[in-house]
Amino acid sequence: MDRQVNGRRPKARAGGFGLRAQVPQTPAAQRRREVARAQEDAKRKFPNLEEKLDAIRKGIREARLSGRRFEYKEPLRALYELAYGWSENDLLEKRIGQVAALRAIRPRKAANPFSVLIRAVLEDDADRKTVSRWSVALNNAMENEVAPEDVCEHL
């Protein structure tokens, strides 16, 4: 089975002796491998951050399973409290990058920083509408300098 890479057939790199020819890696496969390495590296570097995100994710999952309409506000308050503390120390952009590396999320330039955080705690459940709704609400709270204790009323 010959695969074409960039319109050319790969050259065989293995001799006879029953060895299969090695096919050069596609750029997409190489990127996936690099992202996986970066994610493993981030997990080693930031175990405390991963624990905090996992705790918030667990809270959101429990809130969704409870069936109560506004139960999600408490885990979002915890997420906002993290981001608020980072913003107070001028570490928000740096921490967003660390969260993106930790969860293998590609952050968009000039995007809402909370969208990365929301996708990090929702993971597989992250539909675009929910991510957008929650990240816009949390970003508005941050712009209006709402204290973490009062963010539930703001949402």
Protein backbone atom coordinates (compact mmCIF):
# COMPACT_ATOMS: atom_id res chain seq x y z
CA MET A 1 0.00 0.00 0.00
CA ASP A 2 1.79 3.09 -1.22
CA ARG A 3 0.79 6.39 0.33
CA GLN A 4 1.62 9.61 -1.37
CA VAL A 5 3.14 12.42 0.64
CA ASN A 6 3.06 15.86 -0.97
CA GLY A 7 2.24 14.31 -4.34
CA ARG A 8 5.26 11.99 -4.37
CA ARG A 9 5.62 8.36 -3.56
CA PRO A 10 7.87 7.63 -0.60
CA LYS A 11 11.20 6.02 -1.19
CA ALA A 12 11.80 2.66 0.37
CA ARG A 13 14.21 2.88 3.27
CA ALA A 14 14.41 -0.76 4.17
CA GLY A 15 16.23 -3.37 2.23
CA GLY A 16 14.90 -6.81 1.46
CA PHE A 17 15.00 -9.38 4.22
CA GLY A 18 11.22 -9.16 4.78
CA LEU A 19 11.32 -5.60 6.14
CA ARG A 20 8.60 -3.17 5.12
CA ALA A 21 9.50 0.15 3.61
CA GLN A 22 9.28 3.08 6.01
CA VAL A 23 6.89 5.79 4.92
CA PRO A 24 7.85 9.37 5.84
CA GLN A 25 5.60 10.89 8.49
CA THR A 26 3.00 13.37 7.43
CA PRO A 27 3.14 16.82 9.00
CA ALA A 28 -0.15 16.22 10.82
CA ALA A 29 1.15 13.07 12.50
CA GLN A 30 4.29 14.90 13.52
CA ARG A 31 2.22 17.77 15.01
CA ARG A 32 0.07 15.32 16.98
CA ARG A 33 3.19 13.71 18.38
CA GLU A 34 4.66 17.11 19.35
CA VAL A 35 1.40 18.13 21.04
CA ALA A 36 1.36 14.87 23.00
CA ARG A 37 4.97 15.44 24.12
CA ALA A 38 4.20 19.01 25.16
CA GLN A 39 1.16 17.82 27.10
CA GLU A 40 3.19 15.19 28.98
CA ASP A 41 5.84 17.80 29.73
CA ALA A 42 3.19 20.21 31.06
CA LYS A 43 1.70 17.48 33.26
CA ARG A 44 5.11 16.97 34.83
CA LYS A 45 5.67 20.70 35.33
CA PHE A 46 2.23 21.75 36.64
CA PRO A 47 0.70 18.96 38.76
CA ASN A 48 -1.03 21.42 41.14
CA LEU A 49 -2.72 23.25 38.27
CA GLU A 50 -3.90 19.93 36.85
CA GLU A 51 -5.39 18.97 40.24
CA LYS A 52 -7.28 22.26 40.46
CA LEU A 53 -8.67 21.89 36.93
CA ASP A 54 -9.67 18.29 37.63
CA ALA A 55 -11.49 19.34 40.80
CA ILE A 56 -13.42 22.01 38.88
CA ARG A 57 -14.20 19.52 36.11
CA LYS A 58 -15.52 17.08 38.70
CA GLY A 59 -17.71 19.85 40.16
CA ILE A 60 -19.14 20.70 36.75
CA ARG A 61 -19.84 17.04 36.03
CA GLU A 62 -21.65 16.66 39.37
CA ALA A 63 -23.60 19.86 38.71
CA ARG A 64 -24.76 18.58 35.34
CA LEU A 65 -25.74 15.20 36.77
CA SER A 66 -27.73 16.83 39.57
CA GLY A 67 -30.28 18.13 37.07
CA ARG A 68 -30.53 21.46 38.88
CA ARG A 69 -30.61 24.42 36.55
CA PHE A 70 -28.10 26.76 38.22
CA GLU A 71 -25.90 24.21 39.95
CA TYR A 72 -23.06 24.94 37.50
CA LYS A 73 -22.45 28.39 39.02
CA GLU A 74 -20.40 27.13 41.94
CA PRO A 75 -17.73 25.36 39.84
CA LEU A 76 -17.62 28.38 37.52
CA ARG A 77 -17.06 30.58 40.56
CA ALA A 78 -14.05 28.42 41.47
CA LEU A 79 -12.71 28.78 37.93
CA TYR A 80 -13.28 32.54 38.00
CA GLU A 81 -11.53 32.73 41.37
CA LEU A 82 -8.45 31.07 39.85
CA ALA A 83 -8.42 33.43 36.87
CA TYR A 84 -9.10 36.47 39.07
CA GLY A 85 -6.08 35.64 41.25
CA TRP A 86 -3.91 35.19 38.17
CA SER A 87 -5.13 38.50 36.78
CA GLU A 88 -4.35 40.30 40.04
CA ASN A 89 -0.76 39.02 39.81
CA ASP A 90 -0.47 39.74 36.05
CA LEU A 91 -0.08 36.03 35.32
CA LEU A 92 -3.30 35.42 33.40
CA GLU A 93 -1.78 35.09 29.90
CA LYS A 94 1.04 32.88 31.16
CA ARG A 95 -1.35 30.59 33.06
CA ILE A 96 -3.73 30.37 30.10
CA GLY A 97 -0.79 29.10 28.03
CA GLN A 98 0.03 26.54 30.72
CA VAL A 99 -3.59 25.36 30.85
CA ALA A 100 -3.67 25.09 27.06
CA ALA A 101 -0.49 23.00 27.09
CA LEU A 102 -1.82 20.86 29.93
CA ARG A 103 -5.05 20.00 28.11
CA ALA A 104 -3.63 20.11 24.55
CA ILE A 105 -5.86 23.01 23.49
CA ARG A 106 -4.83 25.36 20.71
CA PRO A 107 -5.63 28.88 21.95
CA ARG A 108 -6.71 31.34 19.29
CA LYS A 109 -5.10 34.74 19.17
CA ALA A 110 -7.27 37.60 20.46
CA ALA A 111 -9.77 35.06 21.75
CA ASN A 112 -11.50 35.20 25.08
CA PRO A 113 -9.05 33.74 27.63
CA PHE A 114 -11.92 32.12 29.49
CA SER A 115 -12.77 30.00 26.45
CA VAL A 116 -9.52 28.06 26.98
CA LEU A 117 -10.31 27.63 30.67
CA ILE A 118 -13.88 26.49 30.00
CA ARG A 119 -12.74 24.00 27.37
CA ALA A 120 -10.08 22.74 29.77
CA VAL A 121 -12.62 21.90 32.47
CA LEU A 122 -15.34 20.61 30.14
CA GLU A 123 -13.07 18.57 27.83
CA ASP A 124 -15.27 16.07 25.96
CA ASP A 125 -18.50 17.83 26.93
CA ALA A 126 -17.33 21.13 25.44
CA ASP A 127 -19.86 22.20 22.83
CA ARG A 128 -19.23 25.60 21.27
CA LYS A 129 -22.46 27.17 22.52
CA THR A 130 -21.77 26.34 26.17
CA VAL A 131 -18.13 27.41 25.94
CA SER A 132 -19.13 30.70 24.35
CA ARG A 133 -21.94 31.45 26.80
CA TRP A 134 -19.89 30.74 29.90
CA SER A 135 -16.68 32.39 28.68
CA VAL A 136 -18.46 35.60 27.65
CA ALA A 137 -20.19 35.81 31.05
CA LEU A 138 -16.94 35.25 32.96
CA ASN A 139 -15.04 37.69 30.74
CA ASN A 140 -17.68 40.37 31.35
CA ALA A 141 -17.36 39.76 35.08
CA MET A 142 -13.59 40.15 34.83
CA GLU A 143 -13.88 43.37 32.81
CA ASN A 144 -16.34 44.78 35.36
CA GLU A 145 -13.97 43.75 38.16
CA VAL A 146 -16.56 41.65 39.93
CA ALA A 147 -15.16 40.02 43.07
CA PRO A 148 -15.07 36.20 43.04
CA GLU A 149 -17.55 36.07 45.92
CA ASP A 150 -20.12 38.03 43.89
CA VAL A 151 -19.67 36.34 40.52
CA CYS A 152 -22.61 33.93 41.04
CA GLU A 153 -25.01 36.87 41.13
CA HIS A 154 -23.35 38.33 38.04
CA LEU A 155 -23.86 35.11 36.08
